[in-house]
Amino acid sequence: MDNRRYALFGLIGPLVAFFFIVLSIGLSPWFSWQDNALSDLGHATNSSVAPLFNFGLLLAGFLVTIYSVTVLRAHARYTSLCLLASALLLQLVAAFDETYGSLHFLVSVLLFVSFGFASAAYVVEKRSVLAFAALVIGFCSWAFYFAGIYGGGVAIPETISSAAAVSWVASSALRVLRRKRS
């Protein structure tokens, strides 16, 4: 498969994650942005949409893993390693859902920290303004949450920081897709 096809995984992976998250929220009238974490949707015993939610995270992580070790590795080696860690941690969030207690908490925290490291690596390697903006937005979303600047559940900074990180991942994949074949 040529790099252009692998680049599609850099677009499809994040879209799969957001699709399954939005679908799970839509099927869960109990979910509240004010009170919940996104992971509440994946709780194996408390959420009827857990299989759907966790499958989406596993599939998205798999697709981003492929993108990281193929296309991204070719043009941003250190970023690819950081994004690979993020993709694997995303899969661990699904595998070790909230029923695993502190283990789930640990992999969740590491996931969001890894988004920051991946964004920072892309800033350094590619001088990406978009990745810099993602890093700042992600950091601020968590800083404002912990400072109590806005009310709401942890799902809010989870969504903001994830969407910010996905912006530069998708942009890097689009850049490869727009290149002319040589």
Protein backbone atom coordinates (compact mmCIF):
# COMPACT_ATOMS: atom_id res chain seq x y z
CA MET A 1 0.00 0.00 0.00
CA ASP A 2 1.39 3.43 -0.85
CA ASN A 3 1.70 6.22 1.71
CA ARG A 4 -1.37 8.00 0.41
CA ARG A 5 -3.55 5.06 1.43
CA TYR A 6 -1.90 4.82 4.85
CA ALA A 7 -2.46 8.56 5.26
CA LEU A 8 -6.19 7.88 5.15
CA PHE A 9 -5.81 6.14 8.52
CA GLY A 10 -4.63 9.47 9.97
CA LEU A 11 -8.00 10.92 8.97
CA ILE A 12 -10.28 7.94 9.48
CA GLY A 13 -8.90 6.96 12.91
CA PRO A 14 -9.84 10.20 14.69
CA LEU A 15 -13.17 10.35 12.82
CA VAL A 16 -13.98 6.82 14.00
CA ALA A 17 -13.26 7.83 17.60
CA PHE A 18 -15.46 10.91 17.44
CA PHE A 19 -18.21 9.05 15.57
CA PHE A 20 -18.46 6.36 18.24
CA ILE A 21 -18.22 8.90 21.05
CA VAL A 22 -21.03 11.03 19.58
CA LEU A 23 -23.12 7.93 18.86
CA SER A 24 -22.60 6.67 22.42
CA ILE A 25 -23.58 10.05 23.87
CA GLY A 26 -26.67 10.12 21.65
CA LEU A 27 -27.71 6.69 22.87
CA SER A 28 -27.12 7.61 26.53
CA PRO A 29 -29.73 10.06 27.80
CA TRP A 30 -28.11 9.89 31.25
CA PHE A 31 -24.83 11.36 29.98
CA SER A 32 -24.22 14.92 31.15
CA TRP A 33 -21.43 17.27 30.09
CA GLN A 34 -21.76 18.80 33.55
CA ASP A 35 -21.22 15.59 35.50
CA ASN A 36 -19.51 12.91 33.43
CA ALA A 37 -16.23 11.81 31.94
CA LEU A 38 -16.29 10.37 28.44
CA SER A 39 -15.06 7.11 29.97
CA ASP A 40 -18.36 6.79 31.83
CA LEU A 41 -19.76 5.74 28.45
CA GLY A 42 -17.35 2.79 28.41
CA HIS A 43 -18.06 1.47 31.91
CA ALA A 44 -18.77 -2.21 31.28
CA THR A 45 -21.37 -2.64 34.02
CA ASN A 46 -22.97 0.82 34.16
CA SER A 47 -23.31 1.76 30.50
CA SER A 48 -25.38 -0.03 27.89
CA VAL A 49 -23.25 1.57 25.16
CA ALA A 50 -19.93 0.37 26.61
CA PRO A 51 -19.29 -2.18 23.82
CA LEU A 52 -19.93 0.46 21.17
CA PHE A 53 -17.87 3.15 22.89
CA ASN A 54 -14.92 0.88 23.68
CA PHE A 55 -14.93 -0.69 20.21
CA GLY A 56 -14.70 2.80 18.70
CA LEU A 57 -11.70 3.66 20.86
CA LEU A 58 -9.99 0.35 20.05
CA LEU A 59 -10.55 0.74 16.31
CA ALA A 60 -9.46 4.38 16.30
CA GLY A 61 -6.32 3.49 18.24
CA PHE A 62 -5.54 0.71 15.79
CA LEU A 63 -5.95 2.99 12.75
CA VAL A 64 -3.84 5.77 14.27
CA THR A 65 -1.19 3.18 15.16
CA ILE A 66 -0.93 2.21 11.50
CA TYR A 67 -0.70 5.87 10.47
CA SER A 68 1.97 6.54 13.11
CA VAL A 69 4.28 3.69 12.12
CA THR A 70 3.98 4.27 8.37
CA VAL A 71 3.33 7.75 7.00
CA LEU A 72 4.03 9.87 10.05
CA ARG A 73 7.24 8.00 10.79
CA ALA A 74 8.54 8.91 7.34
CA HIS A 75 8.27 12.66 7.89
CA ALA A 76 8.20 13.20 11.68
CA ARG A 77 10.05 10.35 13.37
CA TYR A 78 9.85 11.49 17.00
CA THR A 79 6.28 12.66 16.66
CA SER A 80 5.36 9.24 15.28
CA LEU A 81 6.69 7.59 18.43
CA CYS A 82 4.71 9.97 20.64
CA LEU A 83 1.54 9.52 18.59
CA LEU A 84 2.07 5.76 18.64
CA ALA A 85 2.11 5.95 22.44
CA SER A 86 -1.12 7.97 22.33
CA ALA A 87 -2.77 5.44 20.03
CA LEU A 88 -1.77 2.54 22.24
CA LEU A 89 -2.94 4.37 25.35
CA LEU A 90 -6.28 5.06 23.65
CA GLN A 91 -6.66 1.32 23.18
CA LEU A 92 -5.72 0.75 26.83
CA VAL A 93 -8.42 3.21 27.94
CA ALA A 94 -10.92 0.98 26.14
CA ALA A 95 -9.42 -2.29 27.34
CA PHE A 96 -9.12 -1.16 30.96
CA ASP A 97 -12.44 0.63 31.30
CA GLU A 98 -13.65 2.28 34.49
CA THR A 99 -14.36 -1.09 36.10
CA TYR A 100 -10.57 -1.33 36.52
CA GLY A 101 -10.56 1.72 38.82
CA SER A 102 -7.12 3.23 39.34
CA LEU A 103 -5.62 1.39 36.35
CA HIS A 104 -8.18 3.08 34.08
CA PHE A 105 -7.44 6.43 35.71
CA LEU A 106 -3.70 5.97 35.12
CA VAL A 107 -4.00 5.09 31.43
CA SER A 108 -6.49 7.93 30.93
CA VAL A 109 -4.15 10.49 32.48
CA LEU A 110 -1.24 9.12 30.45
CA LEU A 111 -3.35 9.36 27.27
CA PHE A 112 -4.02 13.06 27.70
CA VAL A 113 -0.43 13.75 28.73
CA SER A 114 0.75 11.87 25.64
CA PHE A 115 -1.40 14.12 23.43
CA GLY A 116 0.62 17.04 24.78
CA PHE A 117 3.94 15.31 24.14
CA ALA A 118 2.89 14.34 20.60
CA SER A 119 1.78 17.91 19.88
CA ALA A 120 5.04 19.32 21.30
CA ALA A 121 7.10 16.88 19.24
CA TYR A 122 5.29 17.92 16.07
CA VAL A 123 5.85 21.58 16.91
CA VAL A 124 9.59 20.95 17.23
CA GLU A 125 9.93 18.67 14.20
CA LYS A 126 7.67 20.48 11.77
CA ARG A 127 7.41 24.00 13.22
CA SER A 128 3.66 23.49 13.11
CA VAL A 129 1.59 26.46 14.25
CA LEU A 130 -1.47 24.20 14.35
CA ALA A 131 0.23 21.73 16.68
CA PHE A 132 1.40 24.64 18.85
CA ALA A 133 -2.18 25.91 19.03
CA ALA A 134 -3.35 22.38 19.90
CA LEU A 135 -0.77 22.18 22.67
CA VAL A 136 -1.86 25.54 24.13
CA ILE A 137 -5.58 24.78 23.79
CA GLY A 138 -5.17 21.33 25.32
CA PHE A 139 -3.11 22.67 28.21
CA CYS A 140 -5.51 25.55 28.85
CA SER A 141 -8.57 23.28 28.77
CA TRP A 142 -7.07 21.19 31.57
CA ALA A 143 -5.65 24.15 33.50
CA PHE A 144 -9.02 25.95 33.42
CA TYR A 145 -10.80 22.76 34.48
CA PHE A 146 -8.55 22.15 37.48
CA ALA A 147 -8.60 25.84 38.42
CA GLY A 148 -12.40 25.75 38.46
CA ILE A 149 -12.63 28.56 35.90
CA TYR A 150 -15.58 26.87 34.24
CA GLY A 151 -18.09 24.39 35.56
CA GLY A 152 -18.64 21.04 34.01
CA GLY A 153 -17.53 17.47 33.95
CA VAL A 154 -14.14 16.18 32.93
CA ALA A 155 -15.65 15.27 29.54
CA ILE A 156 -15.24 18.93 28.55
CA PRO A 157 -11.44 19.17 28.75
CA GLU A 158 -11.19 15.59 27.46
CA THR A 159 -13.10 16.60 24.32
CA ILE A 160 -11.36 19.94 23.84
CA SER A 161 -7.84 18.55 24.24
CA SER A 162 -8.59 15.54 22.03
CA ALA A 163 -10.11 17.66 19.27
CA ALA A 164 -7.14 20.03 19.42
CA ALA A 165 -4.63 17.19 19.05
CA VAL A 166 -6.63 15.58 16.27
CA SER A 167 -6.49 18.83 14.29
CA TRP A 168 -2.78 18.56 13.54
CA VAL A 169 -2.91 14.78 13.07
CA ALA A 170 -5.61 15.17 10.41
CA SER A 171 -3.74 18.10 8.86
CA SER A 172 -0.56 16.04 8.56
CA ALA A 173 -2.52 13.23 6.91
CA LEU A 174 -4.19 15.66 4.50
CA ARG A 175 -0.81 17.08 3.55
CA VAL A 176 0.32 13.60 2.48
CA LEU A 177 -2.92 12.97 0.60
CA ARG A 178 -2.56 16.22 -1.37
CA ARG A 179 0.95 15.44 -2.53
CA LYS A 180 1.26 14.47 -6.15
CA ARG A 181 2.51 10.99 -6.81
CA SER A 182 6.09 10.91 -7.95
